[in-house]
């Protein structure tokens, strides 16, 4: 078990690594005009592919043969799509879907 100082060090290291992985492309290619086409393509394609991978990961253990038959997950997906089409706010959609899922799983199903 980690103590408080070890946990804080771990969080600081993870935050630094996350920041660096996001900053490296801008540090390597400060001028957008000289950025290689492949790096530009990755910047456009990766966000969508990562979101698709997260959706697959979230639904991989849903059982359609046992109660509640994936109903909370399906309802939350519909709610997220509706909320995002209505407000066009990614953070609101994710937070709303997470809150609805927790309410459904803890209190309804």
N, C-alpha and C. Protein backbone atom coordinates (compact mmCIF):
# COMPACT_ATOMS: atom_id res chain seq x y z
N UNK A 1 0.84 -1.17 0.00
CA UNK A 1 0.00 0.00 0.00
C UNK A 1 0.89 1.24 0.00
N UNK A 2 0.50 2.21 -0.78
CA UNK A 2 1.28 3.44 -0.87
C UNK A 2 0.88 4.41 0.24
N UNK A 3 1.90 5.11 0.78
CA UNK A 3 1.57 6.16 1.74
C UNK A 3 1.30 7.45 0.99
N UNK A 4 1.00 8.51 1.70
CA UNK A 4 0.58 9.76 1.07
C UNK A 4 1.66 10.36 0.19
N UNK A 5 2.90 10.38 0.67
CA UNK A 5 3.97 10.98 -0.13
C UNK A 5 4.25 10.17 -1.39
N UNK A 6 4.19 8.85 -1.29
CA UNK A 6 4.38 8.02 -2.48
C UNK A 6 3.25 8.25 -3.49
N UNK A 7 2.05 8.39 -3.00
CA UNK A 7 0.92 8.65 -3.89
C UNK A 7 1.07 10.00 -4.59
N UNK A 8 1.48 11.02 -3.86
CA UNK A 8 1.68 12.34 -4.47
C UNK A 8 2.80 12.32 -5.50
N UNK A 9 3.89 11.60 -5.21
CA UNK A 9 4.98 11.48 -6.18
C UNK A 9 4.49 10.76 -7.43
N UNK A 10 3.74 9.70 -7.25
CA UNK A 10 3.20 8.95 -8.38
C UNK A 10 2.28 9.83 -9.23
N UNK A 11 1.42 10.59 -8.59
CA UNK A 11 0.51 11.49 -9.33
C UNK A 11 1.31 12.53 -10.09
N UNK A 12 2.35 13.09 -9.45
CA UNK A 12 3.18 14.11 -10.12
C UNK A 12 3.89 13.53 -11.34
N UNK A 13 4.41 12.32 -11.21
CA UNK A 13 5.09 11.68 -12.35
C UNK A 13 4.11 11.41 -13.47
N UNK A 14 2.94 10.88 -13.14
CA UNK A 14 1.94 10.60 -14.17
C UNK A 14 1.47 11.88 -14.85
N UNK A 15 1.30 12.94 -14.08
CA UNK A 15 0.89 14.22 -14.67
C UNK A 15 1.98 14.75 -15.60
N UNK A 16 3.24 14.65 -15.20
CA UNK A 16 4.35 15.13 -16.04
C UNK A 16 4.44 14.32 -17.33
N UNK A 17 4.31 13.01 -17.23
CA UNK A 17 4.38 12.16 -18.43
C UNK A 17 3.22 12.47 -19.36
N UNK A 18 2.02 12.63 -18.81
CA UNK A 18 0.86 12.97 -19.63
C UNK A 18 1.07 14.31 -20.33
N UNK A 19 1.56 15.29 -19.59
CA UNK A 19 1.80 16.61 -20.17
C UNK A 19 2.86 16.52 -21.28
N UNK A 20 3.93 15.79 -21.02
CA UNK A 20 5.00 15.69 -22.02
C UNK A 20 4.54 14.98 -23.28
N UNK A 21 3.76 13.92 -23.14
CA UNK A 21 3.29 13.23 -24.35
C UNK A 21 2.38 14.12 -25.18
N UNK A 22 1.67 15.02 -24.54
CA UNK A 22 0.82 15.94 -25.29
C UNK A 22 1.61 17.13 -25.84
N UNK A 23 2.71 17.49 -25.18
CA UNK A 23 3.49 18.66 -25.60
C UNK A 23 4.57 18.33 -26.62
N UNK A 24 5.02 17.09 -26.69
CA UNK A 24 6.14 16.74 -27.57
C UNK A 24 5.89 17.11 -29.03
N UNK A 25 4.73 16.84 -29.62
CA UNK A 25 4.54 17.25 -31.01
C UNK A 25 4.70 18.75 -31.23
N UNK A 26 4.25 19.55 -30.28
CA UNK A 26 4.38 21.00 -30.41
C UNK A 26 5.81 21.45 -30.19
N UNK A 27 6.55 20.73 -29.35
CA UNK A 27 7.95 21.06 -29.14
C UNK A 27 8.80 20.66 -30.33
N UNK A 28 8.48 19.52 -30.93
CA UNK A 28 9.25 19.06 -32.09
C UNK A 28 8.92 19.84 -33.36
N UNK A 29 7.66 20.24 -33.49
CA UNK A 29 7.20 20.94 -34.70
C UNK A 29 6.50 22.24 -34.31
N UNK A 30 7.26 23.26 -33.88
CA UNK A 30 6.60 24.51 -33.47
C UNK A 30 5.93 25.24 -34.63
N UNK A 31 6.43 25.02 -35.84
CA UNK A 31 5.84 25.65 -37.01
C UNK A 31 4.92 24.64 -37.68
N UNK A 32 3.63 24.91 -37.68
CA UNK A 32 2.64 23.97 -38.22
C UNK A 32 2.84 23.72 -39.70
N UNK A 33 3.43 24.65 -40.41
CA UNK A 33 3.61 24.49 -41.86
C UNK A 33 4.65 23.43 -42.20
N UNK A 34 5.61 23.22 -41.31
CA UNK A 34 6.67 22.25 -41.58
C UNK A 34 6.43 20.90 -40.91
N UNK A 35 5.24 20.72 -40.38
CA UNK A 35 4.90 19.46 -39.74
C UNK A 35 4.72 18.39 -40.81
N UNK A 36 5.30 17.21 -40.61
CA UNK A 36 5.12 16.13 -41.59
C UNK A 36 3.64 15.76 -41.73
N UNK A 37 3.23 15.41 -42.93
CA UNK A 37 1.82 15.06 -43.15
C UNK A 37 1.33 13.91 -42.26
N UNK A 38 2.22 12.97 -41.98
CA UNK A 38 1.82 11.83 -41.15
C UNK A 38 1.48 12.30 -39.73
N UNK A 39 2.23 13.21 -39.17
CA UNK A 39 1.95 13.73 -37.83
C UNK A 39 0.65 14.52 -37.84
N UNK A 40 0.43 15.28 -38.88
CA UNK A 40 -0.82 16.03 -39.01
C UNK A 40 -2.01 15.07 -39.09
N UNK A 41 -1.85 13.98 -39.86
CA UNK A 41 -2.90 12.97 -39.98
C UNK A 41 -3.20 12.34 -38.62
N UNK A 42 -2.13 12.01 -37.86
CA UNK A 42 -2.34 11.42 -36.54
C UNK A 42 -3.09 12.37 -35.62
N UNK A 43 -2.80 13.65 -35.71
CA UNK A 43 -3.50 14.64 -34.90
C UNK A 43 -4.97 14.72 -35.22
N UNK A 44 -5.33 14.41 -36.46
CA UNK A 44 -6.74 14.44 -36.85
C UNK A 44 -7.45 13.12 -36.59
N UNK A 45 -6.74 12.00 -36.75
CA UNK A 45 -7.38 10.69 -36.67
C UNK A 45 -7.40 10.10 -35.27
N UNK A 46 -6.39 10.34 -34.47
CA UNK A 46 -6.30 9.68 -33.17
C UNK A 46 -7.42 10.01 -32.20
N UNK A 47 -7.89 11.25 -32.09
CA UNK A 47 -8.97 11.49 -31.13
C UNK A 47 -10.22 10.63 -31.40
N UNK A 48 -10.58 10.48 -32.66
CA UNK A 48 -11.76 9.67 -32.99
C UNK A 48 -11.51 8.19 -32.73
N UNK A 49 -10.32 7.72 -33.06
CA UNK A 49 -10.02 6.30 -32.84
C UNK A 49 -9.93 5.99 -31.36
N UNK A 50 -9.42 6.90 -30.56
CA UNK A 50 -9.34 6.68 -29.12
C UNK A 50 -10.75 6.65 -28.52
N UNK A 51 -11.62 7.54 -28.97
CA UNK A 51 -13.00 7.53 -28.47
C UNK A 51 -13.70 6.22 -28.84
N UNK A 52 -13.48 5.75 -30.05
CA UNK A 52 -14.08 4.47 -30.47
C UNK A 52 -13.54 3.33 -29.62
N UNK A 53 -12.26 3.34 -29.32
CA UNK A 53 -11.67 2.30 -28.50
C UNK A 53 -12.24 2.35 -27.08
N UNK A 54 -12.48 3.54 -26.54
CA UNK A 54 -13.08 3.66 -25.22
C UNK A 54 -14.52 3.14 -25.20
N UNK A 55 -15.26 3.38 -26.26
CA UNK A 55 -16.63 2.87 -26.33
C UNK A 55 -16.61 1.34 -26.35
N UNK A 56 -15.74 0.75 -27.15
CA UNK A 56 -15.64 -0.71 -27.20
C UNK A 56 -15.24 -1.25 -25.83
N UNK A 57 -14.29 -0.60 -25.18
CA UNK A 57 -13.85 -1.04 -23.86
C UNK A 57 -15.00 -0.97 -22.85
N UNK A 58 -15.81 0.07 -22.91
CA UNK A 58 -16.91 0.22 -21.96
C UNK A 58 -18.00 -0.82 -22.15
N UNK A 59 -18.20 -1.27 -23.37
CA UNK A 59 -19.28 -2.21 -23.65
C UNK A 59 -18.82 -3.66 -23.76
N UNK A 60 -17.55 -3.94 -23.54
CA UNK A 60 -17.04 -5.30 -23.76
C UNK A 60 -17.58 -6.33 -22.77
N UNK A 61 -17.93 -5.92 -21.57
CA UNK A 61 -18.41 -6.87 -20.57
C UNK A 61 -19.92 -6.81 -20.35
N UNK A 62 -20.64 -6.15 -21.23
CA UNK A 62 -22.09 -6.07 -21.10
C UNK A 62 -22.70 -7.40 -21.51
N UNK A 63 -23.50 -7.96 -20.63
CA UNK A 63 -24.15 -9.24 -20.92
C UNK A 63 -25.58 -8.98 -21.39
N UNK A 64 -25.87 -9.44 -22.60
CA UNK A 64 -27.21 -9.29 -23.14
C UNK A 64 -28.10 -10.48 -22.79
N UNK A 65 -27.53 -11.48 -22.11
CA UNK A 65 -28.29 -12.68 -21.78
C UNK A 65 -28.67 -12.76 -20.30
N UNK A 66 -28.17 -11.84 -19.49
CA UNK A 66 -28.49 -11.84 -18.06
C UNK A 66 -29.01 -10.46 -17.67
N UNK A 67 -29.88 -10.46 -16.66
CA UNK A 67 -30.44 -9.18 -16.19
C UNK A 67 -29.32 -8.26 -15.74
N UNK A 68 -29.41 -7.01 -16.02
CA UNK A 68 -30.44 -6.19 -16.65
C UNK A 68 -30.30 -6.09 -18.17
N UNK A 69 -29.61 -7.01 -18.80
CA UNK A 69 -29.55 -7.13 -20.26
C UNK A 69 -28.94 -5.91 -20.96
N UNK A 70 -28.05 -5.23 -20.28
CA UNK A 70 -27.39 -4.07 -20.88
C UNK A 70 -28.25 -2.83 -20.94
N UNK A 71 -29.37 -2.85 -20.24
CA UNK A 71 -30.29 -1.71 -20.28
C UNK A 71 -29.67 -0.42 -19.72
N UNK A 72 -28.95 -0.45 -18.59
CA UNK A 72 -28.36 0.81 -18.11
C UNK A 72 -27.35 1.39 -19.11
N UNK A 73 -26.56 0.53 -19.72
CA UNK A 73 -25.57 1.00 -20.69
C UNK A 73 -26.24 1.58 -21.93
N UNK A 74 -27.29 0.90 -22.40
CA UNK A 74 -28.00 1.39 -23.58
C UNK A 74 -28.69 2.73 -23.29
N UNK A 75 -29.35 2.83 -22.14
CA UNK A 75 -30.02 4.08 -21.78
C UNK A 75 -29.01 5.23 -21.66
N UNK A 76 -27.86 4.95 -21.08
CA UNK A 76 -26.84 6.00 -20.94
C UNK A 76 -26.27 6.40 -22.29
N UNK A 77 -26.09 5.45 -23.18
CA UNK A 77 -25.58 5.79 -24.51
C UNK A 77 -26.56 6.69 -25.25
N UNK A 78 -27.84 6.37 -25.17
CA UNK A 78 -28.87 7.21 -25.80
C UNK A 78 -28.88 8.59 -25.16
N UNK A 79 -28.78 8.63 -23.83
CA UNK A 79 -28.77 9.91 -23.12
C UNK A 79 -27.55 10.75 -23.51
N UNK A 80 -26.39 10.13 -23.62
CA UNK A 80 -25.17 10.85 -24.00
C UNK A 80 -25.31 11.41 -25.41
N UNK A 81 -25.81 10.60 -26.33
CA UNK A 81 -25.99 11.07 -27.70
C UNK A 81 -26.98 12.24 -27.75
N UNK A 82 -28.09 12.10 -27.04
CA UNK A 82 -29.08 13.19 -27.00
C UNK A 82 -28.49 14.45 -26.41
N UNK A 83 -27.80 14.31 -25.27
CA UNK A 83 -27.23 15.47 -24.59
C UNK A 83 -26.17 16.15 -25.44
N UNK A 84 -25.36 15.36 -26.13
CA UNK A 84 -24.32 15.96 -26.96
C UNK A 84 -24.90 16.64 -28.19
N UNK A 85 -25.93 16.05 -28.78
CA UNK A 85 -26.57 16.70 -29.93
C UNK A 85 -27.27 18.00 -29.51
N UNK A 86 -27.76 18.03 -28.29
CA UNK A 86 -28.49 19.19 -27.80
C UNK A 86 -27.55 20.32 -27.41
N UNK A 87 -26.51 20.04 -26.61
CA UNK A 87 -25.65 21.08 -26.08
C UNK A 87 -24.28 21.19 -26.76
N UNK A 88 -23.86 20.18 -27.48
CA UNK A 88 -22.54 20.17 -28.15
C UNK A 88 -21.41 20.45 -27.16
N UNK A 89 -21.48 19.82 -26.00
CA UNK A 89 -20.48 20.01 -24.96
C UNK A 89 -20.01 18.63 -24.51
N UNK A 90 -18.77 18.31 -24.83
CA UNK A 90 -18.23 16.98 -24.55
C UNK A 90 -18.18 16.69 -23.06
N UNK A 91 -17.71 17.65 -22.27
CA UNK A 91 -17.59 17.43 -20.83
C UNK A 91 -18.97 17.22 -20.20
N UNK A 92 -19.95 18.00 -20.61
CA UNK A 92 -21.31 17.84 -20.10
C UNK A 92 -21.86 16.46 -20.48
N UNK A 93 -21.61 16.02 -21.70
CA UNK A 93 -22.10 14.72 -22.15
C UNK A 93 -21.49 13.59 -21.34
N UNK A 94 -20.19 13.64 -21.15
CA UNK A 94 -19.50 12.58 -20.40
C UNK A 94 -19.94 12.59 -18.94
N UNK A 95 -19.98 13.77 -18.33
CA UNK A 95 -20.38 13.85 -16.93
C UNK A 95 -21.84 13.43 -16.75
N UNK A 96 -22.71 13.87 -17.64
CA UNK A 96 -24.11 13.49 -17.54
C UNK A 96 -24.32 12.00 -17.70
N UNK A 97 -23.63 11.40 -18.66
CA UNK A 97 -23.74 9.96 -18.85
C UNK A 97 -23.20 9.17 -17.68
N UNK A 98 -22.09 9.65 -17.11
CA UNK A 98 -21.51 8.97 -15.95
C UNK A 98 -22.45 9.06 -14.75
N UNK A 99 -23.00 10.23 -14.51
CA UNK A 99 -23.92 10.40 -13.38
C UNK A 99 -25.17 9.54 -13.56
N UNK A 100 -25.73 9.55 -14.77
CA UNK A 100 -26.92 8.73 -15.02
C UNK A 100 -26.61 7.25 -14.84
N UNK A 101 -25.46 6.81 -15.32
CA UNK A 101 -25.10 5.39 -15.19
C UNK A 101 -24.96 5.01 -13.72
N UNK A 102 -24.32 5.86 -12.93
CA UNK A 102 -24.15 5.55 -11.50
C UNK A 102 -25.51 5.51 -10.81
N UNK A 103 -26.39 6.43 -11.14
CA UNK A 103 -27.73 6.41 -10.54
C UNK A 103 -28.48 5.14 -10.93
N UNK A 104 -28.43 4.79 -12.20
CA UNK A 104 -29.13 3.58 -12.66
C UNK A 104 -28.58 2.33 -12.01
N UNK A 105 -27.27 2.20 -11.95
CA UNK A 105 -26.67 0.98 -11.40
C UNK A 105 -26.85 0.89 -9.90
N UNK A 106 -26.74 2.03 -9.20
CA UNK A 106 -26.80 1.99 -7.74
C UNK A 106 -28.24 1.98 -7.20
N UNK A 107 -29.17 2.62 -7.91
CA UNK A 107 -30.50 2.79 -7.33
C UNK A 107 -31.62 2.07 -8.09
N UNK A 108 -31.45 1.84 -9.38
CA UNK A 108 -32.55 1.29 -10.18
C UNK A 108 -32.34 -0.20 -10.46
N UNK A 109 -31.19 -0.56 -11.00
CA UNK A 109 -30.97 -1.95 -11.41
C UNK A 109 -30.17 -2.69 -10.38
